[in-house]
N, C-alpha and C. Protein backbone atom coordinates (compact mmCIF):
# COMPACT_ATOMS: atom_id res chain seq x y z
N MET A 1 45.91 -16.34 -7.58
CA MET A 1 46.12 -14.89 -7.67
C MET A 1 47.54 -14.57 -7.22
N ALA A 2 48.50 -14.97 -8.00
CA ALA A 2 49.89 -14.84 -7.61
C ALA A 2 50.49 -13.48 -7.93
N SER A 3 49.99 -12.79 -8.93
CA SER A 3 50.57 -11.50 -9.28
C SER A 3 49.79 -10.38 -8.61
N THR A 4 50.21 -9.15 -8.83
CA THR A 4 49.51 -8.02 -8.24
C THR A 4 48.44 -7.48 -9.18
N ALA A 5 48.13 -8.20 -10.24
CA ALA A 5 47.07 -7.78 -11.14
C ALA A 5 45.72 -8.17 -10.53
N SER A 6 44.73 -7.36 -10.78
CA SER A 6 43.40 -7.66 -10.27
C SER A 6 42.77 -8.75 -11.14
N THR A 7 41.95 -9.56 -10.51
CA THR A 7 41.20 -10.58 -11.23
C THR A 7 39.74 -10.42 -10.87
N ALA A 8 38.90 -11.16 -11.57
CA ALA A 8 37.48 -11.12 -11.30
C ALA A 8 36.97 -12.54 -11.13
N LEU A 9 36.07 -12.72 -10.18
CA LEU A 9 35.44 -14.01 -9.96
C LEU A 9 33.95 -13.88 -10.21
N THR A 10 33.39 -14.87 -10.88
CA THR A 10 31.94 -14.90 -11.04
C THR A 10 31.33 -15.31 -9.71
N VAL A 11 30.03 -15.18 -9.61
CA VAL A 11 29.34 -15.57 -8.38
C VAL A 11 29.57 -17.05 -8.09
N ASP A 12 29.47 -17.89 -9.11
CA ASP A 12 29.67 -19.33 -8.91
C ASP A 12 31.10 -19.64 -8.46
N GLN A 13 32.09 -18.97 -9.06
CA GLN A 13 33.48 -19.18 -8.64
C GLN A 13 33.69 -18.73 -7.20
N ALA A 14 33.14 -17.58 -6.86
CA ALA A 14 33.29 -17.07 -5.49
C ALA A 14 32.58 -17.98 -4.49
N ASP A 15 31.40 -18.45 -4.84
CA ASP A 15 30.66 -19.33 -3.94
C ASP A 15 31.44 -20.61 -3.68
N ALA A 16 32.06 -21.16 -4.70
CA ALA A 16 32.84 -22.40 -4.54
C ALA A 16 34.07 -22.19 -3.66
N ARG A 17 34.60 -20.98 -3.64
CA ARG A 17 35.83 -20.70 -2.89
C ARG A 17 35.59 -19.86 -1.64
N LEU A 18 34.34 -19.59 -1.30
CA LEU A 18 34.03 -18.68 -0.20
C LEU A 18 34.72 -19.08 1.10
N HIS A 19 34.85 -20.35 1.36
CA HIS A 19 35.47 -20.85 2.59
C HIS A 19 36.95 -20.50 2.69
N GLU A 20 37.59 -20.22 1.56
CA GLU A 20 39.03 -19.93 1.57
C GLU A 20 39.35 -18.47 1.29
N LEU A 21 38.35 -17.66 1.02
CA LEU A 21 38.56 -16.25 0.68
C LEU A 21 38.31 -15.36 1.89
N THR A 22 39.05 -14.27 1.97
CA THR A 22 38.73 -13.20 2.91
C THR A 22 37.94 -12.17 2.12
N VAL A 23 36.68 -12.01 2.48
CA VAL A 23 35.77 -11.14 1.73
C VAL A 23 35.75 -9.76 2.37
N ILE A 24 36.00 -8.74 1.55
CA ILE A 24 36.00 -7.35 1.98
C ILE A 24 34.89 -6.64 1.22
N ASP A 25 33.92 -6.11 1.94
CA ASP A 25 32.79 -5.39 1.35
C ASP A 25 33.10 -3.90 1.45
N VAL A 26 33.24 -3.23 0.30
CA VAL A 26 33.65 -1.82 0.30
C VAL A 26 32.47 -0.86 0.22
N ARG A 27 31.26 -1.36 0.42
CA ARG A 27 30.09 -0.48 0.43
C ARG A 27 30.03 0.30 1.74
N THR A 28 29.13 1.25 1.79
CA THR A 28 28.95 2.02 3.03
C THR A 28 28.37 1.10 4.10
N PRO A 29 28.53 1.47 5.37
CA PRO A 29 27.95 0.65 6.44
C PRO A 29 26.45 0.42 6.28
N GLY A 30 25.75 1.42 5.78
CA GLY A 30 24.32 1.27 5.56
C GLY A 30 24.01 0.21 4.52
N GLU A 31 24.76 0.22 3.44
CA GLU A 31 24.57 -0.80 2.40
C GLU A 31 24.95 -2.18 2.93
N TYR A 32 26.06 -2.24 3.65
CA TYR A 32 26.53 -3.49 4.23
C TYR A 32 25.46 -4.08 5.15
N ALA A 33 24.80 -3.23 5.92
CA ALA A 33 23.78 -3.70 6.87
C ALA A 33 22.55 -4.26 6.18
N THR A 34 22.33 -3.90 4.91
CA THR A 34 21.17 -4.43 4.19
C THR A 34 21.37 -5.88 3.79
N GLY A 35 22.59 -6.37 3.85
CA GLY A 35 22.89 -7.76 3.52
C GLY A 35 24.22 -7.87 2.82
N HIS A 36 25.06 -8.79 3.29
CA HIS A 36 26.40 -8.95 2.73
C HIS A 36 26.74 -10.43 2.62
N LEU A 37 27.78 -10.74 1.87
CA LEU A 37 28.21 -12.12 1.74
C LEU A 37 28.58 -12.67 3.11
N PRO A 38 28.32 -13.95 3.34
CA PRO A 38 28.68 -14.55 4.64
C PRO A 38 30.16 -14.34 4.95
N GLY A 39 30.42 -13.86 6.15
CA GLY A 39 31.79 -13.67 6.61
C GLY A 39 32.47 -12.41 6.09
N ALA A 40 31.76 -11.58 5.35
CA ALA A 40 32.37 -10.37 4.78
C ALA A 40 32.72 -9.37 5.87
N HIS A 41 33.83 -8.67 5.66
CA HIS A 41 34.27 -7.59 6.54
C HIS A 41 33.96 -6.27 5.84
N ASN A 42 33.42 -5.30 6.57
CA ASN A 42 33.08 -4.02 5.97
C ASN A 42 34.22 -3.02 6.11
N VAL A 43 34.82 -2.67 4.98
CA VAL A 43 35.84 -1.62 4.90
C VAL A 43 35.39 -0.69 3.78
N PRO A 44 34.62 0.37 4.11
CA PRO A 44 34.13 1.27 3.06
C PRO A 44 35.26 1.80 2.19
N LEU A 45 34.96 1.98 0.92
CA LEU A 45 35.96 2.42 -0.05
C LEU A 45 36.68 3.68 0.42
N ASP A 46 35.96 4.58 1.07
CA ASP A 46 36.57 5.82 1.57
C ASP A 46 37.62 5.57 2.64
N HIS A 47 37.61 4.39 3.25
CA HIS A 47 38.54 4.07 4.34
C HIS A 47 39.58 3.01 3.92
N LEU A 48 39.67 2.78 2.63
CA LEU A 48 40.58 1.74 2.13
C LEU A 48 42.03 2.04 2.48
N ASP A 49 42.45 3.30 2.37
CA ASP A 49 43.84 3.64 2.68
C ASP A 49 44.18 3.36 4.14
N THR A 50 43.25 3.63 5.05
CA THR A 50 43.45 3.35 6.46
C THR A 50 43.63 1.85 6.70
N ALA A 51 42.92 1.06 5.90
CA ALA A 51 42.92 -0.39 6.08
C ALA A 51 44.06 -1.11 5.36
N LEU A 52 44.89 -0.39 4.62
CA LEU A 52 45.95 -1.06 3.83
C LEU A 52 46.83 -2.01 4.64
N PRO A 53 47.32 -1.63 5.80
CA PRO A 53 48.16 -2.59 6.55
C PRO A 53 47.41 -3.87 6.90
N ALA A 54 46.16 -3.74 7.34
CA ALA A 54 45.37 -4.93 7.70
C ALA A 54 45.06 -5.76 6.46
N LEU A 55 44.77 -5.10 5.35
CA LEU A 55 44.48 -5.83 4.12
C LEU A 55 45.73 -6.55 3.60
N ARG A 56 46.88 -5.91 3.74
CA ARG A 56 48.14 -6.55 3.34
C ARG A 56 48.38 -7.82 4.17
N THR A 57 48.12 -7.73 5.47
CA THR A 57 48.27 -8.89 6.35
C THR A 57 47.30 -10.00 5.94
N ALA A 58 46.05 -9.64 5.72
CA ALA A 58 45.04 -10.62 5.33
C ALA A 58 45.39 -11.26 3.99
N ALA A 59 45.89 -10.46 3.05
CA ALA A 59 46.26 -10.99 1.73
C ALA A 59 47.46 -11.93 1.84
N GLY A 60 48.31 -11.71 2.83
CA GLY A 60 49.44 -12.61 3.04
C GLY A 60 49.02 -13.99 3.52
N ARG A 61 47.85 -14.08 4.12
CA ARG A 61 47.33 -15.37 4.60
C ARG A 61 46.49 -16.09 3.56
N GLY A 62 45.94 -15.37 2.61
CA GLY A 62 45.07 -16.00 1.60
C GLY A 62 44.51 -14.95 0.66
N ASP A 63 43.70 -15.42 -0.27
CA ASP A 63 43.17 -14.54 -1.31
C ASP A 63 42.07 -13.62 -0.79
N LEU A 64 42.07 -12.40 -1.31
CA LEU A 64 41.05 -11.41 -0.98
C LEU A 64 40.01 -11.35 -2.09
N LEU A 65 38.75 -11.24 -1.70
CA LEU A 65 37.65 -10.99 -2.63
C LEU A 65 37.02 -9.67 -2.21
N ILE A 66 37.02 -8.71 -3.12
CA ILE A 66 36.47 -7.39 -2.85
C ILE A 66 35.08 -7.33 -3.47
N VAL A 67 34.11 -6.85 -2.67
CA VAL A 67 32.71 -6.88 -3.07
C VAL A 67 32.08 -5.51 -2.87
N CYS A 68 31.17 -5.16 -3.78
CA CYS A 68 30.31 -3.99 -3.62
C CYS A 68 28.95 -4.36 -4.19
N ALA A 69 28.11 -3.40 -4.46
CA ALA A 69 26.77 -3.70 -4.95
C ALA A 69 26.77 -4.22 -6.38
N SER A 70 27.56 -3.59 -7.26
CA SER A 70 27.53 -3.94 -8.69
C SER A 70 28.85 -4.43 -9.25
N GLY A 71 29.92 -4.17 -8.57
CA GLY A 71 31.25 -4.52 -9.06
C GLY A 71 32.09 -3.31 -9.44
N ALA A 72 31.48 -2.14 -9.54
CA ALA A 72 32.23 -0.94 -9.95
C ALA A 72 33.17 -0.46 -8.84
N ARG A 73 32.66 -0.30 -7.62
CA ARG A 73 33.52 0.16 -6.52
C ARG A 73 34.55 -0.89 -6.15
N SER A 74 34.18 -2.17 -6.23
CA SER A 74 35.15 -3.22 -5.90
C SER A 74 36.26 -3.26 -6.93
N ALA A 75 35.96 -2.99 -8.20
CA ALA A 75 37.01 -2.93 -9.23
C ALA A 75 37.95 -1.77 -8.94
N THR A 76 37.40 -0.63 -8.52
CA THR A 76 38.22 0.52 -8.14
C THR A 76 39.12 0.15 -6.96
N ALA A 77 38.54 -0.51 -5.96
CA ALA A 77 39.33 -0.92 -4.79
C ALA A 77 40.44 -1.89 -5.19
N CYS A 78 40.14 -2.83 -6.08
CA CYS A 78 41.17 -3.78 -6.53
C CYS A 78 42.32 -3.07 -7.23
N ARG A 79 42.00 -2.07 -8.05
CA ARG A 79 43.06 -1.30 -8.72
C ARG A 79 43.90 -0.55 -7.69
N ARG A 80 43.25 0.05 -6.69
CA ARG A 80 44.00 0.77 -5.66
C ARG A 80 44.87 -0.18 -4.85
N LEU A 81 44.36 -1.37 -4.55
CA LEU A 81 45.15 -2.35 -3.83
C LEU A 81 46.32 -2.84 -4.68
N ALA A 82 46.07 -3.08 -5.96
CA ALA A 82 47.13 -3.53 -6.86
C ALA A 82 48.26 -2.49 -6.93
N ASP A 83 47.90 -1.21 -6.90
CA ASP A 83 48.91 -0.14 -6.89
C ASP A 83 49.79 -0.23 -5.63
N GLN A 84 49.27 -0.84 -4.58
CA GLN A 84 50.02 -1.01 -3.33
C GLN A 84 50.64 -2.40 -3.22
N GLY A 85 50.57 -3.18 -4.30
CA GLY A 85 51.17 -4.51 -4.31
C GLY A 85 50.31 -5.58 -3.65
N ILE A 86 49.03 -5.30 -3.46
CA ILE A 86 48.12 -6.25 -2.83
C ILE A 86 47.20 -6.83 -3.90
N THR A 87 47.24 -8.13 -4.05
CA THR A 87 46.40 -8.81 -5.04
C THR A 87 45.01 -9.06 -4.48
N ALA A 88 44.00 -8.77 -5.27
CA ALA A 88 42.62 -9.01 -4.85
C ALA A 88 41.77 -9.26 -6.09
N ALA A 89 40.69 -9.97 -5.90
CA ALA A 89 39.72 -10.22 -6.96
C ALA A 89 38.45 -9.46 -6.66
N THR A 90 37.72 -9.11 -7.70
CA THR A 90 36.43 -8.46 -7.55
C THR A 90 35.33 -9.45 -7.89
N LEU A 91 34.18 -9.29 -7.28
CA LEU A 91 33.04 -10.14 -7.56
C LEU A 91 32.25 -9.54 -8.72
N VAL A 92 32.20 -10.24 -9.83
CA VAL A 92 31.48 -9.75 -11.01
C VAL A 92 30.00 -9.61 -10.68
N GLY A 93 29.47 -8.42 -10.84
CA GLY A 93 28.06 -8.17 -10.56
C GLY A 93 27.75 -7.87 -9.11
N GLY A 94 28.73 -8.01 -8.23
CA GLY A 94 28.58 -7.65 -6.83
C GLY A 94 27.49 -8.40 -6.09
N THR A 95 27.06 -7.80 -4.98
CA THR A 95 26.03 -8.45 -4.16
C THR A 95 24.70 -8.53 -4.90
N THR A 96 24.50 -7.66 -5.87
CA THR A 96 23.27 -7.73 -6.67
C THR A 96 23.20 -9.05 -7.41
N ALA A 97 24.29 -9.43 -8.08
CA ALA A 97 24.34 -10.71 -8.79
C ALA A 97 24.29 -11.87 -7.80
N TRP A 98 24.96 -11.72 -6.67
CA TRP A 98 25.00 -12.77 -5.64
C TRP A 98 23.58 -13.12 -5.18
N THR A 99 22.80 -12.11 -4.84
CA THR A 99 21.43 -12.36 -4.36
C THR A 99 20.50 -12.77 -5.50
N ARG A 100 20.70 -12.21 -6.68
CA ARG A 100 19.87 -12.56 -7.82
C ARG A 100 19.98 -14.05 -8.14
N LEU A 101 21.16 -14.63 -7.91
CA LEU A 101 21.36 -16.05 -8.17
C LEU A 101 20.98 -16.92 -6.97
N GLY A 102 20.37 -16.31 -5.96
CA GLY A 102 19.80 -17.06 -4.85
C GLY A 102 20.73 -17.39 -3.70
N HIS A 103 21.88 -16.76 -3.63
CA HIS A 103 22.81 -17.02 -2.53
C HIS A 103 22.41 -16.21 -1.29
N ASP A 104 22.70 -16.78 -0.13
CA ASP A 104 22.35 -16.13 1.13
C ASP A 104 23.21 -14.91 1.39
N THR A 105 22.61 -13.95 2.08
CA THR A 105 23.35 -12.81 2.60
C THR A 105 23.10 -12.76 4.10
N HIS A 106 24.03 -12.16 4.80
CA HIS A 106 23.91 -12.01 6.25
C HIS A 106 23.68 -10.55 6.57
N ARG A 107 23.00 -10.32 7.69
CA ARG A 107 22.75 -8.97 8.19
C ARG A 107 23.21 -8.92 9.63
N PRO A 108 23.87 -7.81 10.03
CA PRO A 108 24.29 -7.70 11.43
C PRO A 108 23.07 -7.77 12.35
N ALA A 109 23.18 -8.57 13.39
CA ALA A 109 22.07 -8.73 14.34
C ALA A 109 21.88 -7.46 15.15
N GLY A 110 20.64 -7.10 15.37
CA GLY A 110 20.31 -5.99 16.24
C GLY A 110 20.63 -4.62 15.69
N THR A 111 20.84 -4.49 14.39
CA THR A 111 21.12 -3.17 13.83
C THR A 111 19.93 -2.71 13.00
N ARG A 112 19.72 -1.42 13.02
CA ARG A 112 18.70 -0.81 12.18
C ARG A 112 19.25 -0.79 10.76
N THR A 113 18.45 -1.21 9.83
CA THR A 113 18.92 -1.28 8.44
C THR A 113 18.67 0.06 7.75
N PRO A 114 19.74 0.82 7.49
CA PRO A 114 19.57 2.07 6.75
C PRO A 114 19.24 1.78 5.28
N TRP A 115 18.85 2.79 4.59
CA TRP A 115 18.55 2.64 3.17
C TRP A 115 19.82 2.35 2.39
N ALA A 116 19.68 1.55 1.36
CA ALA A 116 20.79 1.30 0.44
C ALA A 116 21.15 2.60 -0.28
N MET A 117 22.38 2.71 -0.72
CA MET A 117 22.85 3.94 -1.36
C MET A 117 22.01 4.27 -2.60
N GLU A 118 21.65 3.28 -3.38
CA GLU A 118 20.85 3.54 -4.58
C GLU A 118 19.53 4.21 -4.21
N ARG A 119 18.92 3.76 -3.13
CA ARG A 119 17.66 4.35 -2.69
C ARG A 119 17.89 5.77 -2.18
N GLN A 120 18.99 6.01 -1.48
CA GLN A 120 19.31 7.36 -1.01
C GLN A 120 19.51 8.30 -2.20
N VAL A 121 20.18 7.81 -3.24
CA VAL A 121 20.41 8.64 -4.43
C VAL A 121 19.08 8.96 -5.11
N ARG A 122 18.21 7.96 -5.24
CA ARG A 122 16.91 8.20 -5.88
C ARG A 122 16.11 9.25 -5.11
N LEU A 123 16.12 9.16 -3.76
CA LEU A 123 15.40 10.14 -2.95
C LEU A 123 16.00 11.53 -3.14
N ALA A 124 17.31 11.65 -3.01
CA ALA A 124 17.96 12.96 -3.12
C ALA A 124 17.74 13.56 -4.51
N ALA A 125 17.90 12.74 -5.56
CA ALA A 125 17.72 13.24 -6.92
C ALA A 125 16.28 13.69 -7.13
N GLY A 126 15.33 12.88 -6.67
CA GLY A 126 13.92 13.24 -6.83
C GLY A 126 13.57 14.51 -6.10
N LEU A 127 14.05 14.66 -4.86
CA LEU A 127 13.78 15.88 -4.10
C LEU A 127 14.39 17.11 -4.76
N LEU A 128 15.61 16.97 -5.27
CA LEU A 128 16.25 18.11 -5.94
C LEU A 128 15.52 18.50 -7.22
N VAL A 129 15.07 17.52 -8.00
CA VAL A 129 14.32 17.82 -9.22
C VAL A 129 13.01 18.51 -8.86
N LEU A 130 12.29 17.97 -7.87
CA LEU A 130 11.02 18.60 -7.46
C LEU A 130 11.26 20.01 -6.93
N ALA A 131 12.32 20.20 -6.14
CA ALA A 131 12.61 21.53 -5.61
C ALA A 131 12.92 22.51 -6.74
N GLY A 132 13.70 22.05 -7.72
CA GLY A 132 14.01 22.92 -8.86
C GLY A 132 12.78 23.29 -9.66
N LEU A 133 11.89 22.33 -9.86
CA LEU A 133 10.66 22.61 -10.61
C LEU A 133 9.72 23.53 -9.82
N ALA A 134 9.58 23.26 -8.51
CA ALA A 134 8.69 24.09 -7.68
C ALA A 134 9.21 25.52 -7.59
N ALA A 135 10.51 25.67 -7.33
CA ALA A 135 11.08 27.02 -7.23
C ALA A 135 11.09 27.69 -8.60
N GLY A 136 11.18 26.90 -9.66
CA GLY A 136 11.20 27.45 -11.01
C GLY A 136 9.88 28.07 -11.43
N ARG A 137 8.81 27.79 -10.72
CA ARG A 137 7.51 28.41 -11.04
C ARG A 137 7.57 29.91 -10.78
N ASN A 138 8.34 30.32 -9.77
CA ASN A 138 8.44 31.74 -9.41
C ASN A 138 9.76 32.35 -9.85
N TRP A 139 10.76 31.55 -10.05
CA TRP A 139 12.09 32.05 -10.42
C TRP A 139 12.68 31.06 -11.42
N SER A 140 12.57 31.33 -12.67
CA SER A 140 12.90 30.36 -13.73
C SER A 140 14.34 29.83 -13.68
N PRO A 141 15.33 30.58 -13.21
CA PRO A 141 16.67 29.99 -13.14
C PRO A 141 16.77 28.77 -12.21
N ALA A 142 15.82 28.62 -11.30
CA ALA A 142 15.85 27.48 -10.40
C ALA A 142 15.64 26.16 -11.15
N ARG A 143 15.08 26.22 -12.34
CA ARG A 143 14.89 25.01 -13.14
C ARG A 143 16.22 24.39 -13.54
N ARG A 144 17.26 25.19 -13.50
CA ARG A 144 18.59 24.66 -13.82
C ARG A 144 19.01 23.57 -12.84
N LEU A 145 18.52 23.65 -11.60
CA LEU A 145 18.80 22.61 -10.62
C LEU A 145 18.28 21.27 -11.13
N SER A 146 17.04 21.26 -11.61
CA SER A 146 16.46 20.03 -12.15
C SER A 146 17.25 19.53 -13.35
N ALA A 147 17.62 20.45 -14.24
CA ALA A 147 18.40 20.07 -15.41
C ALA A 147 19.77 19.52 -15.01
N GLY A 148 20.38 20.14 -14.01
CA GLY A 148 21.69 19.67 -13.54
C GLY A 148 21.61 18.26 -12.96
N VAL A 149 20.58 17.99 -12.18
CA VAL A 149 20.41 16.65 -11.61
C VAL A 149 20.18 15.64 -12.72
N ALA A 150 19.33 15.99 -13.69
CA ALA A 150 19.08 15.08 -14.82
C ALA A 150 20.37 14.80 -15.58
N GLY A 151 21.16 15.83 -15.83
CA GLY A 151 22.44 15.64 -16.51
C GLY A 151 23.38 14.76 -15.70
N GLY A 152 23.39 14.97 -14.39
CA GLY A 152 24.23 14.14 -13.53
C GLY A 152 23.83 12.68 -13.56
N LEU A 153 22.53 12.42 -13.62
CA LEU A 153 22.06 11.03 -13.70
C LEU A 153 22.46 10.38 -15.01
N VAL A 154 22.43 11.14 -16.10
CA VAL A 154 22.87 10.60 -17.40
C VAL A 154 24.35 10.27 -17.35
N VAL A 155 25.16 11.20 -16.84
CA VAL A 155 26.60 10.95 -16.73
C VAL A 155 26.85 9.74 -15.83
N SER A 156 26.10 9.63 -14.76
CA SER A 156 26.23 8.50 -13.85
C SER A 156 25.99 7.18 -14.56
N ALA A 157 24.96 7.13 -15.37
CA ALA A 157 24.64 5.90 -16.10
C ALA A 157 25.70 5.58 -17.14
N VAL A 158 26.17 6.59 -17.87
CA VAL A 158 27.14 6.36 -18.94
C VAL A 158 28.50 5.92 -18.38
N THR A 159 28.92 6.52 -17.27
CA THR A 159 30.24 6.23 -16.71
C THR A 159 30.23 5.16 -15.63
N ASN A 160 29.05 4.72 -15.21
CA ASN A 160 28.89 3.75 -14.13
C ASN A 160 29.56 4.24 -12.84
N THR A 161 29.48 5.54 -12.63
CA THR A 161 29.93 6.17 -11.39
C THR A 161 28.78 7.04 -10.90
N CYS A 162 28.87 7.51 -9.69
CA CYS A 162 27.79 8.36 -9.19
C CYS A 162 28.34 9.39 -8.22
N GLY A 163 28.42 10.62 -8.68
CA GLY A 163 28.89 11.71 -7.84
C GLY A 163 27.99 11.94 -6.65
N MET A 164 26.67 11.80 -6.84
CA MET A 164 25.75 12.01 -5.73
C MET A 164 25.96 10.95 -4.66
N ALA A 165 26.21 9.71 -5.07
CA ALA A 165 26.48 8.64 -4.10
C ALA A 165 27.76 8.94 -3.33
N ALA A 166 28.76 9.49 -4.02
CA ALA A 166 30.02 9.83 -3.35
C ALA A 166 29.78 10.90 -2.28
N VAL A 167 28.92 11.85 -2.58
CA VAL A 167 28.60 12.90 -1.60
C VAL A 167 27.78 12.31 -0.45
N LEU A 168 26.76 11.53 -0.78
CA LEU A 168 25.90 10.94 0.26
C LEU A 168 26.68 9.97 1.15
N ALA A 169 27.69 9.31 0.60
CA ALA A 169 28.49 8.36 1.38
C ALA A 169 29.24 9.06 2.51
N ARG A 170 29.42 10.36 2.39
CA ARG A 170 30.14 11.12 3.43
C ARG A 170 29.24 11.57 4.58
N LEU A 171 27.93 11.37 4.44
CA LEU A 171 27.02 11.75 5.52
C LEU A 171 27.25 10.85 6.73
N PRO A 172 27.01 11.38 7.92
CA PRO A 172 27.31 10.61 9.14
C PRO A 172 26.65 9.23 9.21
N HIS A 173 25.42 9.11 8.75
CA HIS A 173 24.75 7.80 8.85
C HIS A 173 25.33 6.77 7.89
N ASN A 174 26.14 7.20 6.95
CA ASN A 174 26.78 6.28 6.02
C ASN A 174 28.24 5.99 6.38
N GLN A 175 28.71 6.53 7.47
CA GLN A 175 30.09 6.33 7.90
C GLN A 175 30.16 5.21 8.94
N PRO A 176 31.23 4.43 8.89
CA PRO A 176 31.36 3.39 9.92
C PRO A 176 31.67 4.04 11.27
N ARG A 177 31.14 3.44 12.31
CA ARG A 177 31.53 3.90 13.64
C ARG A 177 32.99 3.52 13.82
N THR A 178 33.74 4.36 14.48
CA THR A 178 35.17 4.12 14.67
C THR A 178 35.42 2.75 15.28
N ALA A 179 34.61 2.39 16.26
CA ALA A 179 34.78 1.08 16.92
C ALA A 179 34.54 -0.06 15.94
N ASP A 180 33.56 0.08 15.04
CA ASP A 180 33.29 -0.97 14.06
C ASP A 180 34.46 -1.14 13.11
N LEU A 181 35.00 -0.03 12.60
CA LEU A 181 36.13 -0.11 11.68
C LEU A 181 37.36 -0.69 12.38
N GLU A 182 37.61 -0.25 13.62
CA GLU A 182 38.75 -0.78 14.37
C GLU A 182 38.61 -2.27 14.62
N ALA A 183 37.40 -2.73 14.93
CA ALA A 183 37.16 -4.16 15.15
C ALA A 183 37.38 -4.95 13.86
N THR A 184 36.96 -4.39 12.75
CA THR A 184 37.16 -5.04 11.46
C THR A 184 38.64 -5.16 11.14
N LEU A 185 39.38 -4.08 11.34
CA LEU A 185 40.82 -4.10 11.05
C LEU A 185 41.54 -5.07 11.98
N ALA A 186 41.12 -5.13 13.24
CA ALA A 186 41.72 -6.09 14.18
C ALA A 186 41.44 -7.52 13.75
N ALA A 187 40.22 -7.77 13.28
CA ALA A 187 39.88 -9.12 12.83
C ALA A 187 40.69 -9.52 11.60
N LEU A 188 40.99 -8.57 10.74
CA LEU A 188 41.78 -8.87 9.53
C LEU A 188 43.23 -9.18 9.86
N THR A 189 43.74 -8.64 10.96
CA THR A 189 45.14 -8.87 11.30
C THR A 189 45.32 -9.99 12.31
N ALA A 190 44.22 -10.49 12.86
CA ALA A 190 44.31 -11.55 13.87
C ALA A 190 44.69 -12.90 13.25
């Protein structure tokens, strides 16, 4: 990975090189806690700009592998890093492909495992649709809420992005504790 262009590694390629890669997981802390690649450091995508100096230092020592659940957020992170002159590869298929192919994941010891973002989105979308339908029995314009959520889910599927996940990622339980992020950044520069 000599240029500043982003590259992609398959699960098998990443597994073969895992010992030489610095793995950065850009999922929310809750998603990271559900299981991550061995040795992965959690730097949520929303905090990537804060981590740029540490990531630049880590990239100077060796290759970076950026990981998320499916590969979409990690591809975004790789593009943002490339814009800053930092070369990184994304894991094709993300942790979903990693676990599907039978590779181990690690979980932080002694932490409560929050729900994965996909599950949070399903709950929020379902509750909003039900609320729109229930309120729509007495006030028909409330049904627009259900229609809006359905439309948002279609756009999410077509574009492989999720506005609801972006909103939910900002909730306090999905944010890294300051001490955790600082420890991660210190580990990347050590």
